[in-house]
């Protein structure tokens, strides 16, 4: 139990964004996002990723680095550019067996020339990311962090089994194991010594996926809570919604508190005096929305689980 942790995966989000674009009729919660990105889609790069990812089933493992709490899109892309070629060949082989026609031949070519394929896929990943998810990453990341915050609170108050039971109807926890009902395969994975990573997802809001192939740490991807058709709301609308509750200055400070900042940094980002920023931070801290921790001579301020949940709820 001590080795169970949460993470985020930009690569997983992008892979499922590609699948949403391939089969939009199956993802009504993403239609608001779809309307915004369809016209700016880079067709050639998207076609390459679509061939690699497919519209359902198995996802190549190299598309997602080991998920971490602070995983960034740039770090994900860097990991892909340096991914080990031998496992990539194995992944391409699995995709060849699951495809036919021109797509199968394209995957065979990638399997035969993995270094070139890795470069092409990483370049396509970067271009499709910039066009589709980069504009909404702040909203998407808030939902992921809010989900993790709420589930962490559940662990603290009700235990890890209660938290696991709420992940998804196909997930249960008991007899020393996490059980995930899968559609197309069955296996037993020993997580002793490796632990388990739990990763919420906004774009794959339909169900669960698992990553079990060594050397990757066993990973369970599950739908993030709070994903509605309006999740892609403009950041200005979100600030206005929170501003009506907290006041514009405090709402802005809370929205930017996803990364730790000093009081002077908060003041500079908000365009206010340091003394004023300190006052707002005190109010937010006393309300339980921001936590402050000393780091040498500086005080760092970061959203608490309650603050994450509030931002996620407003979103």
Protein backbone atom coordinates (compact mmCIF):
# COMPACT_ATOMS: atom_id res chain seq x y z
CA UNK A 1 0.00 0.00 0.00
CA UNK A 2 2.89 2.37 0.73
CA UNK A 3 3.99 2.09 -2.91
CA UNK A 4 0.67 3.27 -4.39
CA UNK A 5 1.01 6.76 -5.84
CA UNK A 6 -0.70 9.11 -8.28
CA UNK A 7 0.65 10.56 -11.51
CA UNK A 8 -0.30 12.49 -14.63
CA UNK A 9 0.42 11.56 -18.25
CA UNK A 10 0.29 14.16 -21.06
CA UNK A 11 1.16 11.38 -23.51
CA UNK A 12 -1.88 9.35 -22.48
CA UNK A 13 -4.08 12.42 -22.87
CA UNK A 14 -2.77 13.10 -26.37
CA UNK A 15 -3.13 9.47 -27.47
CA UNK A 16 -6.77 9.50 -26.44
CA UNK A 17 -7.30 12.93 -27.97
CA UNK A 18 -6.29 11.31 -31.28
CA UNK A 19 -8.84 8.55 -30.67
CA UNK A 20 -11.54 11.09 -29.87
CA UNK A 21 -10.82 12.80 -33.20
CA UNK A 22 -10.98 9.44 -34.99
CA UNK A 23 -14.30 8.40 -33.41
CA UNK A 24 -16.03 11.57 -32.14
CA UNK A 25 -19.46 9.95 -32.00
CA UNK A 26 -18.30 7.82 -29.07
CA UNK A 27 -17.06 10.74 -26.95
CA UNK A 28 -19.86 13.29 -26.41
CA UNK A 29 -18.11 14.81 -23.37
CA UNK A 30 -15.34 16.01 -25.70
CA UNK A 31 -17.53 17.69 -28.33
CA UNK A 32 -16.91 21.17 -26.96
CA UNK A 33 -13.16 20.57 -27.26
CA UNK A 34 -13.61 19.00 -30.70
CA UNK A 35 -15.35 22.05 -32.12
CA UNK A 36 -12.41 24.21 -31.07
CA UNK A 37 -9.60 22.06 -32.49
CA UNK A 38 -10.91 20.35 -35.63
CA UNK A 39 -10.11 23.18 -38.02
CA UNK A 40 -6.51 23.68 -36.84
CA UNK A 41 -5.51 20.01 -36.93
CA UNK A 42 -2.16 19.39 -38.74
CA UNK A 43 -3.37 16.67 -41.11
CA UNK A 44 -0.09 14.95 -41.98
CA UNK A 45 1.15 14.73 -38.40
CA UNK A 46 -2.28 13.62 -37.21
CA UNK A 47 -2.40 10.86 -39.85
CA UNK A 48 0.95 9.53 -38.66
CA UNK A 49 -0.16 9.44 -35.01
CA UNK A 50 -3.50 7.90 -36.00
CA UNK A 51 -1.64 5.05 -37.74
CA UNK A 52 0.46 4.40 -34.65
CA UNK A 53 -2.30 4.80 -32.05
CA UNK A 54 -5.37 3.38 -33.79
CA UNK A 55 -8.94 4.07 -32.73
CA UNK A 56 -9.30 1.46 -29.97
CA UNK A 57 -7.52 -1.22 -27.95
CA UNK A 58 -3.81 -1.53 -27.30
CA UNK A 59 -1.65 1.61 -27.08
CA UNK A 60 2.12 1.40 -27.71
CA UNK A 61 3.89 1.76 -24.38
CA UNK A 62 6.50 4.21 -25.68
CA UNK A 63 3.81 6.88 -26.14
CA UNK A 64 3.68 7.43 -22.38
CA UNK A 65 6.66 7.92 -20.10
CA UNK A 66 6.43 6.89 -16.44
CA UNK A 67 3.65 9.13 -15.08
CA UNK A 68 4.60 11.48 -12.24
CA UNK A 69 2.67 14.07 -10.25
CA UNK A 70 4.61 16.89 -11.92
CA UNK A 71 4.99 15.35 -15.39
CA UNK A 72 5.01 18.09 -18.04
CA UNK A 73 4.33 17.87 -21.79
CA UNK A 74 7.95 18.88 -22.51
CA UNK A 75 9.28 16.11 -20.26
CA UNK A 76 6.98 13.60 -21.94
CA UNK A 77 8.22 14.65 -25.37
CA UNK A 78 11.87 14.50 -24.27
CA UNK A 79 11.34 10.95 -22.98
CA UNK A 80 9.81 9.92 -26.29
CA UNK A 81 12.73 11.36 -28.29
CA UNK A 82 15.14 9.19 -26.28
CA UNK A 83 12.97 6.08 -25.90
CA UNK A 84 14.80 2.73 -26.10
CA UNK A 85 14.54 1.36 -29.65
CA UNK A 86 14.33 -2.34 -28.74
CA UNK A 87 11.00 -2.06 -26.84
CA UNK A 88 9.71 0.21 -29.61
CA UNK A 89 10.25 -2.60 -32.12
CA UNK A 90 8.23 -4.89 -29.86
CA UNK A 91 5.43 -2.33 -29.62
CA UNK A 92 5.37 -1.88 -33.40
CA UNK A 93 5.17 -5.66 -33.76
CA UNK A 94 2.10 -5.76 -31.54
CA UNK A 95 0.48 -3.02 -33.61
CA UNK A 96 1.29 -4.87 -36.86
CA UNK A 97 -0.62 -7.90 -35.58
CA UNK A 98 -3.60 -5.66 -34.75
CA UNK A 99 -3.80 -3.88 -38.12
CA UNK A 100 -4.37 -4.55 -41.82
CA UNK A 101 -3.79 -2.97 -45.23
CA UNK A 102 -1.86 0.26 -45.68
CA UNK A 103 -1.73 0.92 -41.94
CA UNK A 104 -0.11 -2.46 -41.33
CA UNK A 105 2.51 -1.76 -43.99
CA UNK A 106 3.27 1.66 -42.51
CA UNK A 107 3.77 0.04 -39.11
CA UNK A 108 6.05 -2.60 -40.63
CA UNK A 109 8.19 0.18 -42.08
CA UNK A 110 8.38 1.84 -38.66
CA UNK A 111 9.36 -1.46 -37.07
CA UNK A 112 12.16 -1.87 -39.61
CA UNK A 113 13.48 1.67 -39.06
CA UNK A 114 12.71 2.51 -35.41
CA UNK A 115 15.15 5.42 -35.05
CA UNK A 116 13.58 7.26 -37.98
CA UNK A 117 10.09 6.34 -36.76
CA UNK A 118 10.87 7.64 -33.27
CA UNK A 119 11.97 10.99 -34.68
CA UNK A 120 8.93 11.28 -36.97
CA UNK A 121 6.49 10.31 -34.21
CA UNK A 122 8.03 12.76 -31.73
CA UNK A 123 7.84 15.59 -34.27
CA UNK A 124 4.20 14.70 -35.03
CA UNK A 125 3.45 14.45 -31.29
CA UNK A 126 4.79 17.97 -30.78
CA UNK A 127 2.81 19.45 -33.66
CA UNK A 128 -0.48 17.75 -32.78
CA UNK A 129 -0.03 18.65 -29.11
CA UNK A 130 0.47 22.34 -29.92
CA UNK A 131 -2.68 22.36 -32.07
CA UNK A 132 -5.02 20.32 -29.89
CA UNK A 133 -4.11 20.11 -26.20
CA UNK A 134 -1.65 22.92 -25.50
CA UNK A 135 -4.43 25.58 -25.62
CA UNK A 136 -6.51 23.69 -23.03
CA UNK A 137 -3.75 22.10 -20.93
CA UNK A 138 -4.31 24.51 -17.99
CA UNK A 139 -7.99 23.47 -17.76
CA UNK A 140 -7.15 19.80 -18.28
CA UNK A 141 -4.36 19.81 -15.71
CA UNK A 142 -6.64 21.44 -13.12
CA UNK A 143 -9.11 18.59 -13.51
CA UNK A 144 -6.35 16.01 -13.08
CA UNK A 145 -4.98 17.73 -9.98
CA UNK A 146 -8.44 18.18 -8.50
CA UNK A 147 -9.16 14.47 -8.98
CA UNK A 148 -5.91 13.47 -7.29
CA UNK A 149 -6.55 15.91 -4.44
CA UNK A 150 -10.02 14.53 -3.74
CA UNK A 151 -8.85 10.90 -3.89
CA UNK A 152 -5.87 11.66 -1.63
CA UNK A 153 -8.30 13.12 0.87
CA UNK A 154 -10.42 9.95 0.64
CA UNK A 155 -7.34 7.85 1.45
CA UNK A 156 -6.66 10.02 4.50
CA UNK A 157 -10.24 9.90 5.80
CA UNK A 158 -11.60 6.51 4.69
CA UNK A 159 -8.64 4.39 3.62
CA UNK A 160 -7.13 3.29 0.36
CA UNK A 161 -9.73 0.57 -0.27
CA UNK A 162 -12.53 3.17 -0.19
CA UNK A 163 -10.62 5.34 -2.62
CA UNK A 164 -9.99 2.42 -5.02
CA UNK A 165 -13.66 1.40 -4.91
CA UNK A 166 -14.61 4.84 -6.26
CA UNK A 167 -12.16 4.88 -9.19
CA UNK A 168 -14.51 3.18 -11.66
CA UNK A 169 -17.24 0.51 -11.65
CA UNK A 170 -14.75 -1.93 -13.22
CA UNK A 171 -12.15 -1.45 -10.47
CA UNK A 172 -12.25 -3.10 -7.05
CA UNK A 173 -9.79 -3.65 -4.22
CA UNK A 174 -9.73 -6.71 -2.00
CA UNK A 175 -7.78 -9.78 -0.90
CA UNK A 176 -4.51 -7.94 -1.40
CA UNK A 177 -5.17 -7.12 -5.05
CA UNK A 178 -6.59 -4.45 -7.31
CA UNK A 179 -9.03 -6.04 -9.75
CA UNK A 180 -9.65 -4.33 -13.12
CA UNK A 181 -12.22 -5.81 -15.49
CA UNK A 182 -10.72 -5.62 -19.00
CA UNK A 183 -12.40 -6.21 -22.35
CA UNK A 184 -9.78 -8.13 -24.33
CA UNK A 185 -7.20 -9.79 -22.13
CA UNK A 186 -6.58 -11.21 -18.68
CA UNK A 187 -3.38 -11.35 -16.65
CA UNK A 188 -2.10 -11.29 -13.10
CA UNK A 189 0.58 -8.72 -12.28
CA UNK A 190 2.71 -8.90 -9.15
CA UNK A 191 3.15 -5.30 -7.94
CA UNK A 192 5.29 -6.21 -4.92
CA UNK A 193 8.51 -4.26 -5.15
CA UNK A 194 7.24 -2.03 -7.94
CA UNK A 195 4.07 -0.51 -6.54
CA UNK A 196 1.15 0.83 -8.53
CA UNK A 197 0.63 4.19 -10.24
CA UNK A 198 -2.91 5.59 -10.46
CA UNK A 199 -3.37 8.09 -13.30
CA UNK A 200 -6.59 10.07 -13.89
CA UNK A 201 -7.50 10.97 -17.46
CA UNK A 202 -9.77 13.59 -18.99
CA UNK A 203 -9.61 12.51 -22.64
CA UNK A 204 -10.24 8.79 -21.96
CA UNK A 205 -13.41 9.45 -20.01
CA UNK A 206 -15.08 6.19 -21.11
CA UNK A 207 -13.19 3.60 -19.05
CA UNK A 208 -9.93 2.17 -17.70
CA UNK A 209 -6.65 1.04 -19.24
CA UNK A 210 -3.61 -0.65 -17.71
CA UNK A 211 0.11 -0.59 -18.39
CA UNK A 212 1.76 -3.81 -17.19
CA UNK A 213 4.71 -4.49 -19.49
CA UNK A 214 8.11 -4.34 -17.72
CA UNK A 215 10.18 -2.28 -17.20
CA UNK A 216 7.28 0.17 -16.83
CA UNK A 217 5.79 0.42 -13.35
CA UNK A 218 2.30 -1.14 -13.26
CA UNK A 219 -0.10 1.69 -14.05
CA UNK A 220 -3.88 2.05 -13.99
CA UNK A 221 -5.44 4.86 -16.04
CA UNK A 222 -8.97 5.78 -14.97
CA UNK A 223 -11.49 8.54 -15.88
CA UNK A 224 -11.02 11.72 -13.86
CA UNK A 225 -14.05 12.81 -11.87
CA UNK A 226 -15.86 16.01 -12.76
CA UNK A 227 -15.41 15.75 -16.55
CA UNK A 228 -18.47 17.26 -18.20
CA UNK A 229 -19.16 18.60 -21.68
CA UNK A 230 -18.16 22.04 -20.39
CA UNK A 231 -14.71 21.08 -19.09
CA UNK A 232 -12.99 23.12 -21.80
CA UNK A 233 -14.37 26.40 -20.46
CA UNK A 234 -12.26 29.44 -21.20
CA UNK A 235 -9.86 30.40 -18.42
CA UNK A 236 -11.43 33.86 -18.26
CA UNK A 237 -14.84 32.35 -17.51
CA UNK A 238 -13.30 30.21 -14.77
CA UNK A 239 -11.60 33.24 -13.22
CA UNK A 240 -14.90 35.13 -13.29
CA UNK A 241 -16.75 32.22 -11.64
CA UNK A 242 -14.21 31.97 -8.83
CA UNK A 243 -13.95 35.76 -8.67
CA UNK A 244 -17.63 36.02 -7.83
CA UNK A 245 -16.94 33.86 -4.78
CA UNK A 246 -13.48 34.95 -3.65
CA UNK A 247 -12.94 38.30 -5.32
CA UNK A 248 -10.88 38.73 -8.53
CA UNK A 249 -7.47 39.09 -6.85
CA UNK A 250 -7.81 36.02 -4.62
CA UNK A 251 -9.33 33.99 -7.46
CA UNK A 252 -6.35 34.82 -9.66
CA UNK A 253 -3.89 33.88 -6.92
CA UNK A 254 -5.68 30.56 -6.34
CA UNK A 255 -5.75 29.73 -10.05
CA UNK A 256 -2.01 30.31 -10.36
CA UNK A 257 -1.18 28.39 -7.18
CA UNK A 258 -0.76 25.04 -8.93
CA UNK A 259 3.00 25.58 -8.63
CA UNK A 260 4.75 26.77 -5.49
CA UNK A 261 5.63 30.49 -5.51
CA UNK A 262 7.05 32.95 -3.03
CA UNK A 263 5.02 35.91 -1.77
CA UNK A 264 6.99 38.29 -3.98
CA UNK A 265 6.39 36.07 -7.02
CA UNK A 266 2.66 35.99 -6.27
CA UNK A 267 2.65 39.79 -5.99
CA UNK A 268 4.56 40.22 -9.25
CA UNK A 269 2.33 37.79 -11.17
CA UNK A 270 -0.82 39.47 -9.84
CA UNK A 271 0.50 42.99 -10.35
CA UNK A 272 -0.11 43.97 -6.73
CA UNK A 273 2.01 45.11 -3.76
CA UNK A 274 3.78 42.44 -1.73
CA UNK A 275 1.87 43.47 1.40
CA UNK A 276 -1.43 43.10 -0.45
CA UNK A 277 -0.40 39.68 -1.79
CA UNK A 278 0.55 38.62 1.74
CA UNK A 279 -2.89 39.66 3.00
CA UNK A 280 -4.71 37.71 0.26
CA UNK A 281 -2.52 34.65 0.89
CA UNK A 282 -3.33 34.80 4.58
CA UNK A 283 -7.07 34.83 3.84
CA UNK A 284 -6.74 31.90 1.41
CA UNK A 285 -4.56 29.98 3.86
CA UNK A 286 -7.02 30.48 6.74
CA UNK A 287 -9.80 29.22 4.45
CA UNK A 288 -7.76 26.06 3.81
CA UNK A 289 -7.34 26.75 0.09
CA UNK A 290 -3.59 27.44 0.08
CA UNK A 291 -0.80 25.92 2.14
CA UNK A 292 2.38 27.82 2.98
CA UNK A 293 5.72 26.23 3.78
CA UNK A 294 9.04 27.83 4.62
CA UNK A 295 11.97 27.17 2.29
CA UNK A 296 15.02 28.86 3.79
CA UNK A 297 14.32 32.57 3.97
CA UNK A 298 11.30 32.30 1.65
CA UNK A 299 7.73 31.19 2.16
CA UNK A 300 6.28 29.04 -0.64
CA UNK A 301 2.53 28.96 -1.33
CA UNK A 302 0.69 26.08 -3.04
CA UNK A 303 -2.94 25.01 -3.46
CA UNK A 304 -4.16 22.49 -0.88
CA UNK A 305 -6.34 19.47 -1.80
CA UNK A 306 -9.37 21.62 -0.87
CA UNK A 307 -8.10 24.38 -3.17
CA UNK A 308 -7.59 21.86 -5.97
CA UNK A 309 -11.10 20.52 -5.47
CA UNK A 310 -12.58 24.03 -5.56
CA UNK A 311 -10.81 24.90 -8.80
CA UNK A 312 -11.86 21.57 -10.31
CA UNK A 313 -15.47 22.08 -9.23
CA UNK A 314 -15.57 25.57 -10.70
CA UNK A 315 -14.12 24.19 -13.93
